């Protein structure tokens, strides 16, 4: 036998037993109904969203403001994701992730991408990428790579490099601090002070000095900018069965560095974010994977996708972070780990 009760009697019973909760439910329902008849956006309040880009309006606003006979043109890749005429500094860009990211910026339209790394001369890999970009259709000679030999641990030198780029190009828009090192397995209880310090000098101090070099020029020209610090998922988790206390510590420091810088530089329209890759097959990780083949399967099984990543899979996210497409994103960490953190 089924008990038949009207919705009205249930509501009256609920109101008697839980008057406060019922009132809240009624208020929420009323608000929901009102939202179906929203008010027009207030021009005064719109000013609180910050300055509009030169190419505004975009998106829905563009559609609403367009005259019926006006040709409709897409803007997402020609404007929001575009780095046209912008200038970038990328450390650790002689090869590996740094070079992949530098190339992505150039393809997105950057006028010049300055690649800073330790070797006196660029690698053959870097030279081939530069030549390839030089003949890429649609870039029309822009998107050039420039190589600068420098030690990111030298603060004075990094600042000088930033100044020279500013003098030459008349602007600074993007910075990617990608230089980093990973030392061999060493027990945390026996870790030598000198080895620990050497990792921190590059992975923490070098990242700060690179960000400073570009950030000072962004501040100088007053155009805002985007600083991207390359951290790692190892900054927020510990790699199972790997004794990497110095690397993990350094990447955790980079995460907090970005948050701190983002809060300081936000009023200057300089955004600071971190990108945390998971297991990616690069020159650095090859030192482990190529000598210990079992690690490939082990690392692959640590994420839901069942594989490790490729450097080119970071091109999209780094372009997003560098461009206006992420203009309201700062102080954030973007994880690209194949879902490693989801487990």
Protein backbone atom coordinates (compact mmCIF):
# COMPACT_ATOMS: atom_id res chain seq x y z
CA UNK A 1 0.00 0.00 0.00
CA UNK A 2 1.37 3.38 -0.97
CA UNK A 3 1.03 6.45 1.24
CA UNK A 4 -0.28 9.35 -0.80
CA UNK A 5 0.76 12.76 0.43
CA UNK A 6 0.40 16.01 -1.46
CA UNK A 7 3.43 18.23 -2.08
CA UNK A 8 1.59 21.04 -0.31
CA UNK A 9 1.25 18.97 2.89
CA UNK A 10 4.93 18.00 2.70
CA UNK A 11 5.91 21.67 2.38
CA UNK A 12 3.70 22.65 5.35
CA UNK A 13 5.15 19.81 7.42
CA UNK A 14 8.70 20.81 6.51
CA UNK A 15 7.97 24.42 7.37
CA UNK A 16 6.69 23.45 10.83
CA UNK A 17 9.68 21.19 11.60
CA UNK A 18 12.45 23.18 9.89
CA UNK A 19 11.29 26.81 9.51
CA UNK A 20 14.79 28.24 8.98
CA UNK A 21 15.81 25.68 6.36
CA UNK A 22 12.51 26.08 4.56
CA UNK A 23 12.92 29.83 4.48
CA UNK A 24 16.38 29.41 2.99
CA UNK A 25 15.00 27.04 0.35
CA UNK A 26 12.25 29.53 -0.54
CA UNK A 27 14.78 32.37 -0.79
CA UNK A 28 17.04 30.29 -3.06
CA UNK A 29 14.08 29.44 -5.29
CA UNK A 30 13.06 33.08 -5.50
CA UNK A 31 16.59 34.10 -6.47
CA UNK A 32 16.70 31.40 -9.13
CA UNK A 33 13.45 32.63 -10.63
CA UNK A 34 14.70 36.22 -10.64
CA UNK A 35 17.87 35.23 -12.47
CA UNK A 36 15.76 34.35 -15.48
CA UNK A 37 15.07 38.05 -15.88
CA UNK A 38 18.56 39.56 -15.39
CA UNK A 39 19.27 43.28 -15.50
CA UNK A 40 21.47 44.89 -18.17
CA UNK A 41 25.12 45.26 -17.20
CA UNK A 42 25.84 48.50 -15.42
CA UNK A 43 28.42 50.64 -17.23
CA UNK A 44 29.86 51.88 -13.94
CA UNK A 45 30.37 48.36 -12.65
CA UNK A 46 31.91 47.27 -15.95
CA UNK A 47 34.83 49.56 -15.18
CA UNK A 48 35.60 47.27 -12.27
CA UNK A 49 36.55 44.51 -14.71
CA UNK A 50 39.67 46.41 -15.76
CA UNK A 51 40.74 47.92 -19.06
CA UNK A 52 39.36 46.28 -22.17
CA UNK A 53 41.84 44.97 -24.76
CA UNK A 54 42.42 47.09 -27.84
CA UNK A 55 40.60 44.53 -29.97
CA UNK A 56 37.44 44.48 -27.79
CA UNK A 57 34.63 43.57 -27.98
CA UNK A 58 35.07 39.83 -28.26
CA UNK A 59 32.92 36.78 -27.67
CA UNK A 60 29.26 37.28 -26.81
CA UNK A 61 29.71 41.05 -26.48
CA UNK A 62 30.97 41.22 -30.04
CA UNK A 63 27.91 39.34 -31.24
CA UNK A 64 25.50 41.54 -29.26
CA UNK A 65 27.06 44.82 -30.39
CA UNK A 66 27.52 43.93 -34.06
CA UNK A 67 25.22 45.44 -36.66
CA UNK A 68 23.28 42.82 -38.66
CA UNK A 69 25.23 43.54 -41.84
CA UNK A 70 28.66 43.51 -40.18
CA UNK A 71 30.89 40.57 -41.25
CA UNK A 72 31.51 38.19 -38.34
CA UNK A 73 35.15 37.25 -37.85
CA UNK A 74 36.61 34.85 -35.27
CA UNK A 75 39.00 36.43 -32.76
CA UNK A 76 40.04 33.60 -30.44
CA UNK A 77 43.26 32.74 -32.26
CA UNK A 78 43.86 36.04 -34.06
CA UNK A 79 43.61 38.07 -30.83
CA UNK A 80 43.16 36.33 -27.47
CA UNK A 81 45.70 33.56 -28.07
CA UNK A 82 47.92 35.67 -30.31
CA UNK A 83 51.34 36.89 -29.17
CA UNK A 84 51.76 39.17 -32.19
CA UNK A 85 54.60 41.68 -31.77
CA UNK A 86 55.41 40.51 -28.25
CA UNK A 87 58.84 39.81 -26.83
CA UNK A 88 59.77 36.89 -24.60
CA UNK A 89 62.65 35.64 -22.46
CA UNK A 90 62.90 31.88 -21.91
CA UNK A 91 65.58 30.28 -19.75
CA UNK A 92 66.75 26.71 -20.26
CA UNK A 93 65.73 27.03 -23.91
CA UNK A 94 68.73 25.43 -25.61
CA UNK A 95 66.81 22.14 -25.72
CA UNK A 96 64.09 20.16 -23.96
CA UNK A 97 60.97 21.77 -22.52
CA UNK A 98 62.45 25.26 -22.71
CA UNK A 99 63.06 25.02 -26.45
CA UNK A 100 59.62 23.50 -27.04
CA UNK A 101 58.00 26.39 -25.20
CA UNK A 102 60.14 29.00 -26.94
CA UNK A 103 59.07 27.60 -30.30
CA UNK A 104 55.41 27.68 -29.26
CA UNK A 105 55.68 31.39 -28.41
CA UNK A 106 57.25 32.11 -31.77
CA UNK A 107 54.53 30.18 -33.60
CA UNK A 108 51.91 32.15 -31.68
CA UNK A 109 53.29 35.33 -33.19
CA UNK A 110 55.95 36.60 -30.80
CA UNK A 111 58.29 39.01 -32.56
CA UNK A 112 61.37 37.76 -30.72
CA UNK A 113 62.05 34.98 -28.23
CA UNK A 114 65.35 35.23 -26.36
CA UNK A 115 66.59 31.80 -25.33
CA UNK A 116 68.96 31.89 -22.35
CA UNK A 117 71.05 28.84 -21.47
CA UNK A 118 74.46 27.88 -20.11
CA UNK A 119 76.33 26.52 -23.18
CA UNK A 120 78.45 29.07 -25.01
CA UNK A 121 76.95 28.06 -28.33
CA UNK A 122 73.41 26.86 -29.10
CA UNK A 123 72.84 23.18 -29.79
CA UNK A 124 72.20 21.73 -33.24
CA UNK A 125 68.65 21.10 -32.09
CA UNK A 126 68.19 24.81 -31.34
CA UNK A 127 69.71 25.81 -34.69
CA UNK A 128 67.34 23.51 -36.58
CA UNK A 129 64.34 24.96 -34.77
CA UNK A 130 65.47 28.50 -35.57
CA UNK A 131 65.90 27.61 -39.24
CA UNK A 132 62.51 25.88 -39.31
CA UNK A 133 60.77 28.92 -37.84
CA UNK A 134 62.52 31.14 -40.37
CA UNK A 135 60.77 29.37 -43.24
CA UNK A 136 57.46 28.67 -41.53
CA UNK A 137 54.49 29.81 -43.58
CA UNK A 138 52.56 32.71 -42.12
CA UNK A 139 55.26 34.05 -39.80
CA UNK A 140 56.70 36.39 -42.47
CA UNK A 141 60.12 36.59 -40.87
CA UNK A 142 58.76 37.26 -37.39
CA UNK A 143 58.97 34.78 -34.55
CA UNK A 144 62.74 34.84 -34.52
CA UNK A 145 64.79 33.01 -31.91
CA UNK A 146 67.81 34.69 -30.36
CA UNK A 147 70.36 32.77 -28.28
CA UNK A 148 72.06 34.22 -25.19
CA UNK A 149 74.67 32.31 -23.20
CA UNK A 150 74.33 32.97 -19.48
CA UNK A 151 74.26 31.36 -16.05
CA UNK A 152 70.85 31.89 -14.44
CA UNK A 153 72.53 31.81 -11.03
CA UNK A 154 74.19 35.17 -11.79
CA UNK A 155 71.60 37.75 -10.76
CA UNK A 156 73.52 40.78 -12.01
CA UNK A 157 74.08 39.16 -15.41
CA UNK A 158 70.43 38.11 -15.76
CA UNK A 159 69.25 41.62 -14.94
CA UNK A 160 71.64 42.99 -17.54
CA UNK A 161 70.33 40.59 -20.17
CA UNK A 162 66.81 41.76 -19.42
CA UNK A 163 67.89 45.38 -19.79
CA UNK A 164 69.60 44.68 -23.11
CA UNK A 165 66.48 43.00 -24.46
CA UNK A 166 64.41 45.95 -23.32
CA UNK A 167 66.77 48.42 -25.03
CA UNK A 168 66.77 46.40 -28.25
CA UNK A 169 63.10 45.51 -28.52
CA UNK A 170 61.42 48.35 -26.64
CA UNK A 171 59.24 46.01 -24.62
CA UNK A 172 59.06 42.78 -22.60
CA UNK A 173 55.87 40.74 -22.46
CA UNK A 174 56.51 37.10 -21.58
CA UNK A 175 58.94 35.21 -19.38
CA UNK A 176 59.29 31.46 -18.99
CA UNK A 177 61.75 30.33 -16.33
CA UNK A 178 62.43 26.76 -17.42
CA UNK A 179 66.07 26.15 -16.45
CA UNK A 180 66.38 23.37 -13.91
CA UNK A 181 68.38 20.33 -12.82
CA UNK A 182 67.63 16.93 -11.29
CA UNK A 183 70.33 15.11 -9.33
CA UNK A 184 70.72 11.37 -8.80
CA UNK A 185 69.00 9.43 -6.05
CA UNK A 186 70.41 10.42 -2.67
CA UNK A 187 69.02 9.54 0.75
CA UNK A 188 67.52 12.55 2.51
CA UNK A 189 69.43 11.55 5.66
CA UNK A 190 72.77 11.62 3.85
CA UNK A 191 72.19 14.45 1.36
CA UNK A 192 75.37 16.55 1.06
CA UNK A 193 74.98 20.27 1.74
CA UNK A 194 76.91 21.26 -1.37
CA UNK A 195 74.76 19.10 -3.67
CA UNK A 196 71.55 20.36 -2.09
CA UNK A 197 72.66 23.95 -2.49
CA UNK A 198 73.62 23.43 -6.13
CA UNK A 199 70.06 22.32 -6.93
CA UNK A 200 68.53 25.23 -5.04
CA UNK A 201 70.86 27.71 -6.74
CA UNK A 202 69.54 26.78 -10.18
CA UNK A 203 65.99 25.63 -9.52
CA UNK A 204 65.06 28.40 -7.07
CA UNK A 205 67.53 31.28 -7.26
CA UNK A 206 67.88 30.95 -11.02
CA UNK A 207 64.11 30.98 -11.46
CA UNK A 208 63.80 34.11 -9.33
CA UNK A 209 66.62 35.91 -11.16
CA UNK A 210 65.06 35.05 -14.53
CA UNK A 211 61.67 36.31 -13.43
CA UNK A 212 63.27 39.47 -12.09
CA UNK A 213 65.14 40.08 -15.34
CA UNK A 214 61.92 40.05 -17.34
CA UNK A 215 59.64 41.51 -14.68
CA UNK A 216 61.78 44.60 -14.23
CA UNK A 217 61.41 45.34 -17.93
CA UNK A 218 57.66 44.68 -17.87
CA UNK A 219 57.44 47.21 -15.05
CA UNK A 220 59.67 49.63 -16.94
CA UNK A 221 57.48 49.69 -20.05
CA UNK A 222 54.18 49.53 -18.18
CA UNK A 223 52.47 47.11 -20.55
CA UNK A 224 51.93 44.36 -18.01
CA UNK A 225 53.05 40.86 -18.89
CA UNK A 226 53.00 37.18 -18.07
CA UNK A 227 55.66 35.33 -16.08
CA UNK A 228 55.50 31.54 -16.14
CA UNK A 229 57.65 29.63 -13.67
CA UNK A 230 58.18 25.98 -14.56
CA UNK A 231 57.58 23.97 -11.42
CA UNK A 232 56.66 20.28 -11.37
CA UNK A 233 54.07 17.96 -9.95
CA UNK A 234 56.98 17.04 -7.66
CA UNK A 235 56.40 20.36 -5.91
CA UNK A 236 53.07 19.17 -4.54
CA UNK A 237 53.52 15.39 -4.38
CA UNK A 238 56.46 13.07 -3.70
CA UNK A 239 57.56 10.78 -6.53
CA UNK A 240 57.10 7.22 -5.33
CA UNK A 241 60.38 5.35 -4.72
CA UNK A 242 62.55 8.30 -5.86
CA UNK A 243 64.90 9.96 -3.37
CA UNK A 244 64.75 13.48 -4.84
CA UNK A 245 64.51 15.62 -1.72
CA UNK A 246 66.40 18.55 -3.26
CA UNK A 247 64.39 18.60 -6.51
CA UNK A 248 61.03 18.23 -4.75
CA UNK A 249 61.92 20.96 -2.26
CA UNK A 250 63.04 23.33 -5.00
CA UNK A 251 59.86 22.89 -7.02
CA UNK A 252 57.71 23.45 -3.96
CA UNK A 253 59.61 26.70 -3.40
CA UNK A 254 58.83 27.75 -6.98
CA UNK A 255 55.10 27.27 -6.36
CA UNK A 256 55.18 29.63 -3.39
CA UNK A 257 57.47 32.05 -5.23
CA UNK A 258 54.88 32.44 -7.98
CA UNK A 259 52.04 33.04 -5.54
CA UNK A 260 54.07 35.67 -3.69
CA UNK A 261 55.13 37.44 -6.88
CA UNK A 262 51.60 37.32 -8.26
CA UNK A 263 50.29 39.18 -5.23
CA UNK A 264 53.00 41.84 -5.43
CA UNK A 265 52.84 42.37 -9.17
CA UNK A 266 49.10 42.12 -9.77
CA UNK A 267 48.57 45.91 -9.49
CA UNK A 268 51.16 46.34 -12.25
CA UNK A 269 49.16 43.97 -14.52
CA UNK A 270 52.03 41.47 -14.41
CA UNK A 271 50.64 37.97 -13.99
CA UNK A 272 52.70 35.18 -12.43
CA UNK A 273 51.72 31.52 -12.67
CA UNK A 274 53.38 28.12 -12.46
CA UNK A 275 53.19 25.21 -14.85
CA UNK A 276 53.68 21.81 -13.23
CA UNK A 277 54.36 19.01 -15.71
CA UNK A 278 54.10 15.37 -14.72
CA UNK A 279 56.33 12.65 -16.13
CA UNK A 280 57.47 13.97 -19.51
CA UNK A 281 60.03 12.26 -21.73
CA UNK A 282 62.78 14.88 -22.06
CA UNK A 283 66.57 15.00 -22.18
CA UNK A 284 66.56 15.22 -18.39
CA UNK A 285 64.26 12.26 -17.69
CA UNK A 286 65.91 10.21 -20.45
CA UNK A 287 68.89 9.85 -18.13
CA UNK A 288 66.66 7.64 -15.97
CA UNK A 289 64.37 6.02 -18.51
CA UNK A 290 67.02 5.03 -21.04
CA UNK A 291 69.16 3.30 -18.44
CA UNK A 292 66.27 1.79 -16.45
CA UNK A 293 63.68 0.57 -18.99
CA UNK A 294 61.32 -0.72 -16.27
CA UNK A 295 60.68 2.86 -15.18
CA UNK A 296 58.71 3.67 -18.31
CA UNK A 297 55.96 1.19 -17.45
CA UNK A 298 56.09 2.15 -13.79
CA UNK A 299 55.71 5.88 -14.46
CA UNK A 300 53.03 5.28 -17.09
CA UNK A 301 50.95 3.28 -14.62
CA UNK A 302 50.99 6.13 -12.10
CA UNK A 303 48.37 8.13 -13.99
CA UNK A 304 44.92 7.28 -15.42
CA UNK A 305 46.07 7.79 -19.01
CA UNK A 306 48.58 4.96 -18.72
CA UNK A 307 51.47 6.75 -20.42
CA UNK A 308 54.04 9.49 -19.91
CA UNK A 309 53.81 12.83 -21.65
CA UNK A 310 55.57 14.53 -24.55
CA UNK A 311 57.10 18.03 -24.55
CA UNK A 312 54.77 19.13 -27.37
CA UNK A 313 51.78 18.50 -25.09
CA UNK A 314 52.77 21.61 -23.12
CA UNK A 315 52.62 23.95 -26.13
CA UNK A 316 48.95 24.79 -25.77
CA UNK A 317 48.92 25.50 -22.06
CA UNK A 318 52.07 27.64 -22.13
CA UNK A 319 50.64 29.70 -25.01
CA UNK A 320 47.42 30.15 -23.05
CA UNK A 321 49.34 31.33 -19.97
CA UNK A 322 51.49 33.69 -22.03
CA UNK A 323 48.60 35.27 -23.94
CA UNK A 324 45.57 37.43 -23.23
CA UNK A 325 43.47 34.27 -23.25
CA UNK A 326 44.45 33.83 -19.57
CA UNK A 327 44.21 37.51 -18.63
CA UNK A 328 42.38 36.82 -15.32
CA UNK A 329 44.68 33.98 -14.26
CA UNK A 330 47.47 34.75 -11.79
CA UNK A 331 48.88 33.06 -8.71
CA UNK A 332 47.74 29.71 -10.08
CA UNK A 333 49.44 26.39 -10.69
CA UNK A 334 48.47 24.49 -13.82
CA UNK A 335 49.03 20.74 -13.54
CA UNK A 336 49.67 18.81 -16.75
CA UNK A 337 50.33 15.33 -15.43
CA UNK A 338 47.99 12.93 -17.20
CA UNK A 339 45.83 12.90 -14.08
CA UNK A 340 48.62 11.80 -11.72
CA UNK A 341 47.06 13.84 -8.89
CA UNK A 342 43.62 12.36 -9.48
CA UNK A 343 44.64 9.09 -7.83
